[in-house]
All heavy atoms as atom14 arrays in JSON, in Angstrom:
{
  "sequence": "VFTFVQVPRIGESIALVLGGQPDDDGVYYADRYRVQDVLHSAAIEPM",
  "atom14_mask": [
    [1, 1, 1, 1, 1, 1, 1, 0, 0, 0, 0, 0, 0, 0],
    [1, 1, 1, 1, 1, 1, 1, 1, 1, 1, 1, 0, 0, 0],
    [1, 1, 1, 1, 1, 1, 1, 0, 0, 0, 0, 0, 0, 0],
    [1, 1, 1, 1, 1, 1, 1, 1, 1, 1, 1, 0, 0, 0],
    [1, 1, 1, 1, 1, 1, 1, 0, 0, 0, 0, 0, 0, 0],
    [1, 1, 1, 1, 1, 1, 1, 1, 1, 0, 0, 0, 0, 0],
    [1, 1, 1, 1, 1, 1, 1, 0, 0, 0, 0, 0, 0, 0],
    [1, 1, 1, 1, 1, 1, 1, 0, 0, 0, 0, 0, 0, 0],
    [1, 1, 1, 1, 1, 1, 1, 1, 1, 1, 1, 0, 0, 0],
    [1, 1, 1, 1, 1, 1, 1, 1, 0, 0, 0, 0, 0, 0],
    [1, 1, 1, 1, 0, 0, 0, 0, 0, 0, 0, 0, 0, 0],
    [1, 1, 1, 1, 1, 1, 1, 1, 1, 0, 0, 0, 0, 0],
    [1, 1, 1, 1, 1, 1, 0, 0, 0, 0, 0, 0, 0, 0],
    [1, 1, 1, 1, 1, 1, 1, 1, 0, 0, 0, 0, 0, 0],
    [1, 1, 1, 1, 1, 0, 0, 0, 0, 0, 0, 0, 0, 0],
    [1, 1, 1, 1, 1, 1, 1, 1, 0, 0, 0, 0, 0, 0],
    [1, 1, 1, 1, 1, 1, 1, 0, 0, 0, 0, 0, 0, 0],
    [1, 1, 1, 1, 1, 1, 1, 1, 0, 0, 0, 0, 0, 0],
    [1, 1, 1, 1, 0, 0, 0, 0, 0, 0, 0, 0, 0, 0],
    [1, 1, 1, 1, 0, 0, 0, 0, 0, 0, 0, 0, 0, 0],
    [1, 1, 1, 1, 1, 1, 1, 1, 1, 0, 0, 0, 0, 0],
    [1, 1, 1, 1, 1, 1, 1, 0, 0, 0, 0, 0, 0, 0],
    [1, 1, 1, 1, 1, 1, 1, 1, 0, 0, 0, 0, 0, 0],
    [1, 1, 1, 1, 1, 1, 1, 1, 0, 0, 0, 0, 0, 0],
    [1, 1, 1, 1, 1, 1, 1, 1, 0, 0, 0, 0, 0, 0],
    [1, 1, 1, 1, 0, 0, 0, 0, 0, 0, 0, 0, 0, 0],
    [1, 1, 1, 1, 1, 1, 1, 0, 0, 0, 0, 0, 0, 0],
    [1, 1, 1, 1, 1, 1, 1, 1, 1, 1, 1, 1, 0, 0],
    [1, 1, 1, 1, 1, 1, 1, 1, 1, 1, 1, 1, 0, 0],
    [1, 1, 1, 1, 1, 0, 0, 0, 0, 0, 0, 0, 0, 0],
    [1, 1, 1, 1, 1, 1, 1, 1, 0, 0, 0, 0, 0, 0],
    [1, 1, 1, 1, 1, 1, 1, 1, 1, 1, 1, 0, 0, 0],
    [1, 1, 1, 1, 1, 1, 1, 1, 1, 1, 1, 1, 0, 0],
    [1, 1, 1, 1, 1, 1, 1, 1, 1, 1, 1, 0, 0, 0],
    [1, 1, 1, 1, 1, 1, 1, 0, 0, 0, 0, 0, 0, 0],
    [1, 1, 1, 1, 1, 1, 1, 1, 1, 0, 0, 0, 0, 0],
    [1, 1, 1, 1, 1, 1, 1, 1, 0, 0, 0, 0, 0, 0],
    [1, 1, 1, 1, 1, 1, 1, 0, 0, 0, 0, 0, 0, 0],
    [1, 1, 1, 1, 1, 1, 1, 1, 0, 0, 0, 0, 0, 0],
    [1, 1, 1, 1, 1, 1, 1, 1, 1, 1, 0, 0, 0, 0],
    [1, 1, 1, 1, 1, 1, 0, 0, 0, 0, 0, 0, 0, 0],
    [1, 1, 1, 1, 1, 0, 0, 0, 0, 0, 0, 0, 0, 0],
    [1, 1, 1, 1, 1, 0, 0, 0, 0, 0, 0, 0, 0, 0],
    [1, 1, 1, 1, 1, 1, 1, 1, 0, 0, 0, 0, 0, 0],
    [1, 1, 1, 1, 1, 1, 1, 1, 1, 0, 0, 0, 0, 0],
    [1, 1, 1, 1, 1, 1, 1, 0, 0, 0, 0, 0, 0, 0],
    [1, 1, 1, 1, 1, 1, 1, 1, 0, 0, 0, 0, 0, 0]
  ],
  "atom14_positions": [
    [[34.82, -38.43, -90.14], [34.23, -39.34, -89.16], [33.81, -40.62, -89.88], [33.18, -40.58, -90.93], [33.0, -38.7, -88.48], [32.33, -39.68, -87.54], [33.4, -37.43, -87.74], [0.0, 0.0, 0.0], [0.0, 0.0, 0.0], [0.0, 0.0, 0.0], [0.0, 0.0, 0.0], [0.0, 0.0, 0.0], [0.0, 0.0, 0.0], [0.0, 0.0, 0.0]],
    [[34.2, -41.76, -89.3], [33.81, -43.07, -89.82], [33.1, -43.84, -88.73], [33.38, -43.65, -87.55], [35.04, -43.85, -90.29], [35.65, -43.3, -91.55], [36.61, -42.31, -91.5], [35.25, -43.77, -92.79], [37.17, -41.79, -92.65], [35.79, -43.26, -93.95], [36.75, -42.27, -93.88], [0.0, 0.0, 0.0], [0.0, 0.0, 0.0], [0.0, 0.0, 0.0]],
    [[32.2, -44.72, -89.14], [31.46, -45.53, -88.19], [32.03, -46.95, -88.19], [32.22, -47.54, -89.25], [29.96, -45.57, -88.57], [29.47, -44.23, -88.6], [29.16, -46.38, -87.57], [0.0, 0.0, 0.0], [0.0, 0.0, 0.0], [0.0, 0.0, 0.0], [0.0, 0.0, 0.0], [0.0, 0.0, 0.0], [0.0, 0.0, 0.0], [0.0, 0.0, 0.0]],
    [[32.29, -47.46, -87.0], [32.82, -48.8, -86.81], [31.88, -49.59, -85.9], [31.16, -49.01, -85.09], [34.21, -48.76, -86.16], [35.25, -48.05, -86.98], [35.47, -46.69, -86.83], [36.02, -48.74, -87.9], [36.43, -46.03, -87.58], [36.97, -48.1, -88.67], [37.18, -46.74, -88.5], [0.0, 0.0, 0.0], [0.0, 0.0, 0.0], [0.0, 0.0, 0.0]],
    [[31.91, -50.91, -86.0], [31.13, -51.76, -85.1], [31.72, -51.67, -83.7], [31.0, -51.6, -82.7], [31.11, -53.22, -85.59], [30.44, -54.13, -84.58], [30.4, -53.3, -86.93], [0.0, 0.0, 0.0], [0.0, 0.0, 0.0], [0.0, 0.0, 0.0], [0.0, 0.0, 0.0], [0.0, 0.0, 0.0], [0.0, 0.0, 0.0], [0.0, 0.0, 0.0]],
    [[33.06, -51.64, -83.61], [33.75, -51.43, -82.34], [34.98, -50.57, -82.62], [35.43, -50.48, -83.75], [34.15, -52.74, -81.69], [35.09, -53.57, -82.52], [35.35, -54.93, -81.89], [34.61, -55.38, -81.04], [36.41, -55.59, -82.32], [0.0, 0.0, 0.0], [0.0, 0.0, 0.0], [0.0, 0.0, 0.0], [0.0, 0.0, 0.0], [0.0, 0.0, 0.0]],
    [[35.5, -49.95, -81.58], [36.66, -49.08, -81.75], [37.87, -49.93, -82.14], [38.2, -50.9, -81.45], [36.96, -48.31, -80.44], [38.22, -47.46, -80.6], [35.79, -47.43, -80.06], [0.0, 0.0, 0.0], [0.0, 0.0, 0.0], [0.0, 0.0, 0.0], [0.0, 0.0, 0.0], [0.0, 0.0, 0.0], [0.0, 0.0, 0.0], [0.0, 0.0, 0.0]],
    [[38.54, -49.6, -83.26], [39.74, -50.34, -83.64], [40.82, -50.18, -82.56], [40.91, -49.13, -81.9], [40.18, -49.68, -84.94], [38.95, -49.03, -85.48], [38.18, -48.6, -84.26], [0.0, 0.0, 0.0], [0.0, 0.0, 0.0], [0.0, 0.0, 0.0], [0.0, 0.0, 0.0], [0.0, 0.0, 0.0], [0.0, 0.0, 0.0], [0.0, 0.0, 0.0]],
    [[41.62, -51.2, -82.39], [42.68, -51.18, -81.38], [44.0, -50.74, -82.01], [44.2, -50.86, -83.22], [42.85, -52.57, -80.78], [41.63, -53.02, -80.05], [41.8, -54.4, -79.5], [40.54, -54.81, -78.88], [40.38, -55.92, -78.25], [41.37, -56.79, -78.16], [39.21, -56.22, -77.71], [0.0, 0.0, 0.0], [0.0, 0.0, 0.0], [0.0, 0.0, 0.0]],
    [[44.91, -50.28, -81.17], [46.24, -49.89, -81.63], [46.9, -51.11, -82.28], [46.86, -52.21, -81.74], [47.08, -49.36, -80.45], [46.48, -48.06, -79.92], [48.54, -49.16, -80.87], [47.13, -47.54, -78.66], [0.0, 0.0, 0.0], [0.0, 0.0, 0.0], [0.0, 0.0, 0.0], [0.0, 0.0, 0.0], [0.0, 0.0, 0.0], [0.0, 0.0, 0.0]],
    [[47.47, -50.89, -83.46], [48.14, -51.95, -84.19], [47.27, -52.63, -85.23], [47.79, -53.32, -86.11], [0.0, 0.0, 0.0], [0.0, 0.0, 0.0], [0.0, 0.0, 0.0], [0.0, 0.0, 0.0], [0.0, 0.0, 0.0], [0.0, 0.0, 0.0], [0.0, 0.0, 0.0], [0.0, 0.0, 0.0], [0.0, 0.0, 0.0], [0.0, 0.0, 0.0]],
    [[45.96, -52.45, -85.16], [45.07, -53.06, -86.14], [45.12, -52.32, -87.46], [45.38, -51.12, -87.51], [43.62, -53.07, -85.64], [43.34, -54.09, -84.58], [41.87, -54.16, -84.22], [41.13, -53.17, -84.4], [41.47, -55.21, -83.72], [0.0, 0.0, 0.0], [0.0, 0.0, 0.0], [0.0, 0.0, 0.0], [0.0, 0.0, 0.0], [0.0, 0.0, 0.0]],
    [[44.85, -53.06, -88.54], [44.71, -52.47, -89.87], [43.24, -52.17, -90.12], [42.37, -52.96, -89.73], [45.17, -53.45, -90.94], [46.51, -53.28, -91.21], [0.0, 0.0, 0.0], [0.0, 0.0, 0.0], [0.0, 0.0, 0.0], [0.0, 0.0, 0.0], [0.0, 0.0, 0.0], [0.0, 0.0, 0.0], [0.0, 0.0, 0.0], [0.0, 0.0, 0.0]],
    [[42.98, -51.03, -90.75], [41.62, -50.68, -91.15], [41.66, -50.21, -92.6], [42.66, -49.67, -93.05], [40.99, -49.61, -90.23], [41.85, -48.35, -90.16], [40.74, -50.17, -88.83], [41.24, -47.21, -89.35], [0.0, 0.0, 0.0], [0.0, 0.0, 0.0], [0.0, 0.0, 0.0], [0.0, 0.0, 0.0], [0.0, 0.0, 0.0], [0.0, 0.0, 0.0]],
    [[40.6, -50.44, -93.31], [40.49, -49.99, -94.71], [39.55, -48.8, -94.76], [38.43, -48.87, -94.23], [39.98, -51.12, -95.59], [0.0, 0.0, 0.0], [0.0, 0.0, 0.0], [0.0, 0.0, 0.0], [0.0, 0.0, 0.0], [0.0, 0.0, 0.0], [0.0, 0.0, 0.0], [0.0, 0.0, 0.0], [0.0, 0.0, 0.0], [0.0, 0.0, 0.0]],
    [[40.0, -47.72, -95.36], [39.2, -46.5, -95.44], [39.28, -45.91, -96.84], [40.29, -46.04, -97.52], [39.72, -45.44, -94.46], [39.77, -45.8, -92.99], [40.49, -44.7, -92.23], [38.37, -45.99, -92.45], [0.0, 0.0, 0.0], [0.0, 0.0, 0.0], [0.0, 0.0, 0.0], [0.0, 0.0, 0.0], [0.0, 0.0, 0.0], [0.0, 0.0, 0.0]],
    [[38.22, -45.26, -97.25], [38.21, -44.47, -98.48], [38.21, -43.01, -98.05], [37.22, -42.52, -97.52], [36.98, -44.78, -99.35], [36.96, -43.88, -100.57], [36.96, -46.24, -99.75], [0.0, 0.0, 0.0], [0.0, 0.0, 0.0], [0.0, 0.0, 0.0], [0.0, 0.0, 0.0], [0.0, 0.0, 0.0], [0.0, 0.0, 0.0], [0.0, 0.0, 0.0]],
    [[39.33, -42.35, -98.21], [39.46, -40.93, -97.85], [39.53, -40.12, -99.13], [40.59, -39.98, -99.73], [40.72, -40.69, -97.0], [40.76, -41.4, -95.65], [42.1, -41.16, -94.97], [39.64, -40.9, -94.77], [0.0, 0.0, 0.0], [0.0, 0.0, 0.0], [0.0, 0.0, 0.0], [0.0, 0.0, 0.0], [0.0, 0.0, 0.0], [0.0, 0.0, 0.0]],
    [[38.4, -39.6, -99.55], [38.38, -38.81, -100.78], [38.55, -39.71, -101.98], [38.13, -40.86, -102.0], [0.0, 0.0, 0.0], [0.0, 0.0, 0.0], [0.0, 0.0, 0.0], [0.0, 0.0, 0.0], [0.0, 0.0, 0.0], [0.0, 0.0, 0.0], [0.0, 0.0, 0.0], [0.0, 0.0, 0.0], [0.0, 0.0, 0.0], [0.0, 0.0, 0.0]],
    [[39.2, -39.21, -103.0], [39.43, -40.0, -104.19], [38.23, -39.97, -105.13], [37.17, -39.44, -104.82], [0.0, 0.0, 0.0], [0.0, 0.0, 0.0], [0.0, 0.0, 0.0], [0.0, 0.0, 0.0], [0.0, 0.0, 0.0], [0.0, 0.0, 0.0], [0.0, 0.0, 0.0], [0.0, 0.0, 0.0], [0.0, 0.0, 0.0], [0.0, 0.0, 0.0]],
    [[38.43, -40.54, -106.26], [37.4, -40.59, -107.3], [37.09, -42.04, -107.63], [37.97, -42.88, -107.6], [37.89, -39.87, -108.56], [38.16, -38.39, -108.36], [36.89, -37.62, -108.07], [35.84, -37.9, -108.62], [36.99, -36.65, -107.18], [0.0, 0.0, 0.0], [0.0, 0.0, 0.0], [0.0, 0.0, 0.0], [0.0, 0.0, 0.0], [0.0, 0.0, 0.0]],
    [[35.86, -42.33, -107.99], [35.52, -43.7, -108.39], [36.13, -44.03, -109.76], [36.44, -43.13, -110.54], [34.0, -43.68, -108.46], [33.65, -42.26, -108.75], [34.69, -41.44, -108.06], [0.0, 0.0, 0.0], [0.0, 0.0, 0.0], [0.0, 0.0, 0.0], [0.0, 0.0, 0.0], [0.0, 0.0, 0.0], [0.0, 0.0, 0.0], [0.0, 0.0, 0.0]],
    [[36.31, -45.33, -110.02], [36.8, -45.73, -111.34], [35.64, -45.66, -112.34], [34.56, -45.17, -112.02], [37.44, -47.12, -111.3], [36.46, -48.23, -110.99], [35.23, -47.98, -110.94], [36.91, -49.37, -110.81], [0.0, 0.0, 0.0], [0.0, 0.0, 0.0], [0.0, 0.0, 0.0], [0.0, 0.0, 0.0], [0.0, 0.0, 0.0], [0.0, 0.0, 0.0]],
    [[35.85, -46.15, -113.54], [34.83, -46.06, -114.61], [33.55, -46.8, -114.26], [32.49, -46.49, -114.79], [35.4, -46.61, -115.92], [36.53, -45.74, -116.46], [36.59, -44.55, -116.08], [37.35, -46.26, -117.24], [0.0, 0.0, 0.0], [0.0, 0.0, 0.0], [0.0, 0.0, 0.0], [0.0, 0.0, 0.0], [0.0, 0.0, 0.0], [0.0, 0.0, 0.0]],
    [[33.65, -47.81, -113.37], [32.47, -48.57, -112.97], [31.79, -48.0, -111.72], [30.85, -48.57, -111.19], [32.85, -50.03, -112.7], [33.33, -50.73, -113.96], [32.8, -50.42, -115.05], [34.25, -51.56, -113.86], [0.0, 0.0, 0.0], [0.0, 0.0, 0.0], [0.0, 0.0, 0.0], [0.0, 0.0, 0.0], [0.0, 0.0, 0.0], [0.0, 0.0, 0.0]],
    [[32.32, -46.88, -111.21], [31.74, -46.25, -110.02], [32.22, -46.85, -108.72], [31.63, -46.63, -107.67], [0.0, 0.0, 0.0], [0.0, 0.0, 0.0], [0.0, 0.0, 0.0], [0.0, 0.0, 0.0], [0.0, 0.0, 0.0], [0.0, 0.0, 0.0], [0.0, 0.0, 0.0], [0.0, 0.0, 0.0], [0.0, 0.0, 0.0], [0.0, 0.0, 0.0]],
    [[33.32, -47.59, -108.76], [33.85, -48.25, -107.56], [34.89, -47.36, -106.9], [35.79, -46.84, -107.56], [34.49, -49.61, -107.93], [35.13, -50.26, -106.72], [33.44, -50.53, -108.54], [0.0, 0.0, 0.0], [0.0, 0.0, 0.0], [0.0, 0.0, 0.0], [0.0, 0.0, 0.0], [0.0, 0.0, 0.0], [0.0, 0.0, 0.0], [0.0, 0.0, 0.0]],
    [[34.77, -47.2, -105.59], [35.79, -46.5, -104.8], [36.72, -47.54, -104.2], [36.26, -48.55, -103.67], [35.14, -45.7, -103.66], [34.45, -44.45, -104.11], [33.12, -44.48, -104.5], [35.12, -43.24, -104.14], [32.47, -43.33, -104.9], [34.48, -42.08, -104.54], [33.16, -42.13, -104.92], [32.52, -40.99, -105.33], [0.0, 0.0, 0.0], [0.0, 0.0, 0.0]],
    [[38.02, -47.32, -104.27], [38.99, -48.25, -103.71], [39.49, -47.75, -102.36], [39.78, -46.57, -102.21], [40.17, -48.44, -104.67], [39.76, -49.19, -105.91], [39.39, -48.51, -107.06], [39.74, -50.57, -105.91], [39.0, -49.2, -108.2], [39.34, -51.27, -107.04], [38.97, -50.58, -108.18], [38.59, -51.26, -109.3], [0.0, 0.0, 0.0], [0.0, 0.0, 0.0]],
    [[39.6, -48.67, -101.42], [40.04, -48.32, -100.07], [41.55, -48.48, -99.95], [42.15, -49.33, -100.59], [39.34, -49.21, -99.05], [0.0, 0.0, 0.0], [0.0, 0.0, 0.0], [0.0, 0.0, 0.0], [0.0, 0.0, 0.0], [0.0, 0.0, 0.0], [0.0, 0.0, 0.0], [0.0, 0.0, 0.0], [0.0, 0.0, 0.0], [0.0, 0.0, 0.0]],
    [[42.14, -47.64, -99.11], [43.54, -47.77, -98.75], [43.6, -48.4, -97.36], [42.66, -48.29, -96.57], [44.22, -46.39, -98.7], [44.28, -45.72, -100.07], [44.4, -46.45, -101.08], [44.19, -44.49, -100.12], [0.0, 0.0, 0.0], [0.0, 0.0, 0.0], [0.0, 0.0, 0.0], [0.0, 0.0, 0.0], [0.0, 0.0, 0.0], [0.0, 0.0, 0.0]],
    [[44.72, -49.08, -97.06], [44.87, -49.72, -95.76], [45.69, -48.82, -94.84], [46.75, -48.32, -95.22], [45.53, -51.08, -95.9], [45.54, -51.85, -94.58], [45.97, -53.27, -94.75], [47.32, -53.32, -95.28], [47.79, -54.34, -95.98], [47.02, -55.36, -96.27], [49.04, -54.33, -96.41], [0.0, 0.0, 0.0], [0.0, 0.0, 0.0], [0.0, 0.0, 0.0]],
    [[45.18, -48.62, -93.63], [45.82, -47.78, -92.62], [46.08, -48.62, -91.38], [45.35, -49.55, -91.07], [44.93, -46.59, -92.25], [44.73, -45.63, -93.4], [43.72, -45.84, -94.33], [45.55, -44.53, -93.56], [43.54, -44.97, -95.4], [45.38, -43.66, -94.63], [44.38, -43.88, -95.54], [44.2, -43.03, -96.59], [0.0, 0.0, 0.0], [0.0, 0.0, 0.0]],
    [[47.14, -48.25, -90.61], [47.47, -48.91, -89.36], [47.15, -47.93, -88.22], [47.58, -46.78, -88.25], [48.94, -49.28, -89.34], [49.44, -49.95, -88.1], [49.02, -51.37, -87.95], [49.46, -52.18, -89.07], [49.16, -53.46, -89.19], [48.43, -54.06, -88.29], [49.57, -54.14, -90.24], [0.0, 0.0, 0.0], [0.0, 0.0, 0.0], [0.0, 0.0, 0.0]],
    [[46.4, -48.39, -87.23], [46.03, -47.55, -86.08], [47.26, -47.39, -85.18], [47.81, -48.38, -84.7], [44.85, -48.16, -85.29], [44.54, -47.3, -84.07], [43.63, -48.3, -86.19], [0.0, 0.0, 0.0], [0.0, 0.0, 0.0], [0.0, 0.0, 0.0], [0.0, 0.0, 0.0], [0.0, 0.0, 0.0], [0.0, 0.0, 0.0], [0.0, 0.0, 0.0]],
    [[47.68, -46.15, -84.97], [48.85, -45.85, -84.14], [48.45, -45.47, -82.71], [49.18, -45.75, -81.77], [49.67, -44.71, -84.76], [50.2, -45.03, -86.14], [51.14, -46.21, -86.15], [51.94, -46.38, -85.25], [51.01, -47.06, -87.17], [0.0, 0.0, 0.0], [0.0, 0.0, 0.0], [0.0, 0.0, 0.0], [0.0, 0.0, 0.0], [0.0, 0.0, 0.0]],
    [[47.3, -44.84, -82.57], [46.85, -44.41, -81.24], [45.35, -44.21, -81.26], [44.76, -43.92, -82.31], [47.54, -43.1, -80.84], [47.66, -42.93, -79.34], [47.09, -43.75, -78.58], [48.31, -41.96, -78.91], [0.0, 0.0, 0.0], [0.0, 0.0, 0.0], [0.0, 0.0, 0.0], [0.0, 0.0, 0.0], [0.0, 0.0, 0.0], [0.0, 0.0, 0.0]],
    [[44.73, -44.38, -80.11], [43.3, -44.16, -79.94], [43.14, -43.16, -78.8], [43.62, -43.39, -77.69], [42.56, -45.47, -79.6], [41.08, -45.22, -79.42], [42.79, -46.51, -80.69], [0.0, 0.0, 0.0], [0.0, 0.0, 0.0], [0.0, 0.0, 0.0], [0.0, 0.0, 0.0], [0.0, 0.0, 0.0], [0.0, 0.0, 0.0], [0.0, 0.0, 0.0]],
    [[42.5, -42.04, -79.08], [42.32, -40.97, -78.09], [40.85, -40.87, -77.72], [40.0, -40.69, -78.6], [42.81, -39.64, -78.64], [44.23, -39.62, -79.21], [44.51, -38.29, -79.87], [45.23, -39.91, -78.12], [0.0, 0.0, 0.0], [0.0, 0.0, 0.0], [0.0, 0.0, 0.0], [0.0, 0.0, 0.0], [0.0, 0.0, 0.0], [0.0, 0.0, 0.0]],
    [[40.56, -40.98, -76.44], [39.18, -40.84, -75.95], [39.07, -39.49, -75.25], [39.89, -39.17, -74.39], [38.86, -41.95, -74.94], [38.92, -43.31, -75.53], [37.81, -43.95, -76.01], [39.96, -44.17, -75.72], [38.15, -45.14, -76.47], [39.45, -45.29, -76.31], [0.0, 0.0, 0.0], [0.0, 0.0, 0.0], [0.0, 0.0, 0.0], [0.0, 0.0, 0.0]],
    [[38.08, -38.7, -75.61], [37.85, -37.39, -74.98], [36.53, -37.43, -74.22], [35.51, -37.88, -74.77], [37.78, -36.28, -76.03], [38.99, -36.21, -76.73], [0.0, 0.0, 0.0], [0.0, 0.0, 0.0], [0.0, 0.0, 0.0], [0.0, 0.0, 0.0], [0.0, 0.0, 0.0], [0.0, 0.0, 0.0], [0.0, 0.0, 0.0], [0.0, 0.0, 0.0]],
    [[36.55, -36.99, -73.0], [35.34, -36.97, -72.18], [34.39, -35.88, -72.66], [34.81, -34.89, -73.28], [35.71, -36.72, -70.72], [0.0, 0.0, 0.0], [0.0, 0.0, 0.0], [0.0, 0.0, 0.0], [0.0, 0.0, 0.0], [0.0, 0.0, 0.0], [0.0, 0.0, 0.0], [0.0, 0.0, 0.0], [0.0, 0.0, 0.0], [0.0, 0.0, 0.0]],
    [[33.14, -36.05, -72.36], [32.13, -35.05, -72.71], [32.26, -33.86, -71.77], [32.36, -34.02, -70.56], [30.74, -35.64, -72.6], [0.0, 0.0, 0.0], [0.0, 0.0, 0.0], [0.0, 0.0, 0.0], [0.0, 0.0, 0.0], [0.0, 0.0, 0.0], [0.0, 0.0, 0.0], [0.0, 0.0, 0.0], [0.0, 0.0, 0.0], [0.0, 0.0, 0.0]],
    [[32.33, -32.66, -72.35], [32.29, -31.42, -71.58], [31.33, -30.49, -72.3], [31.25, -30.49, -73.53], [33.69, -30.77, -71.43], [34.35, -30.56, -72.8], [34.59, -31.61, -70.56], [35.63, -29.78, -72.77], [0.0, 0.0, 0.0], [0.0, 0.0, 0.0], [0.0, 0.0, 0.0], [0.0, 0.0, 0.0], [0.0, 0.0, 0.0], [0.0, 0.0, 0.0]],
    [[30.59, -29.74, -71.58], [29.61, -28.84, -72.19], [30.3, -27.86, -73.11], [31.32, -27.29, -72.71], [28.83, -28.09, -71.1], [27.86, -28.96, -70.35], [26.73, -29.48, -71.22], [26.34, -28.8, -72.18], [26.27, -30.6, -70.96], [0.0, 0.0, 0.0], [0.0, 0.0, 0.0], [0.0, 0.0, 0.0], [0.0, 0.0, 0.0], [0.0, 0.0, 0.0]],
    [[29.86, -27.62, -74.28], [28.73, -28.2, -74.99], [29.13, -29.37, -75.9], [28.36, -29.8, -76.74], [28.21, -27.04, -75.83], [29.47, -26.32, -76.22], [30.39, -26.47, -75.01], [0.0, 0.0, 0.0], [0.0, 0.0, 0.0], [0.0, 0.0, 0.0], [0.0, 0.0, 0.0], [0.0, 0.0, 0.0], [0.0, 0.0, 0.0], [0.0, 0.0, 0.0]],
    [[30.37, -29.9, -75.76], [30.89, -30.92, -76.67], [30.61, -32.33, -76.12], [30.82, -32.59, -74.94], [32.41, -30.76, -76.84], [32.83, -29.41, -77.4], [32.22, -29.09, -79.05], [33.15, -30.29, -79.95], [0.0, 0.0, 0.0], [0.0, 0.0, 0.0], [0.0, 0.0, 0.0], [0.0, 0.0, 0.0], [0.0, 0.0, 0.0], [0.0, 0.0, 0.0]]
  ]
}
């Protein structure tokens, strides 16, 4: 789960750090991903 200011749109690029290890300076590097689809699920008990 990642937190965004707004939901990314289909076709937009987003930068994410998915796992990985930091370099010697403690920096995590992000990879660039392209949003292919956005799925919205309605609330149903208990979810």
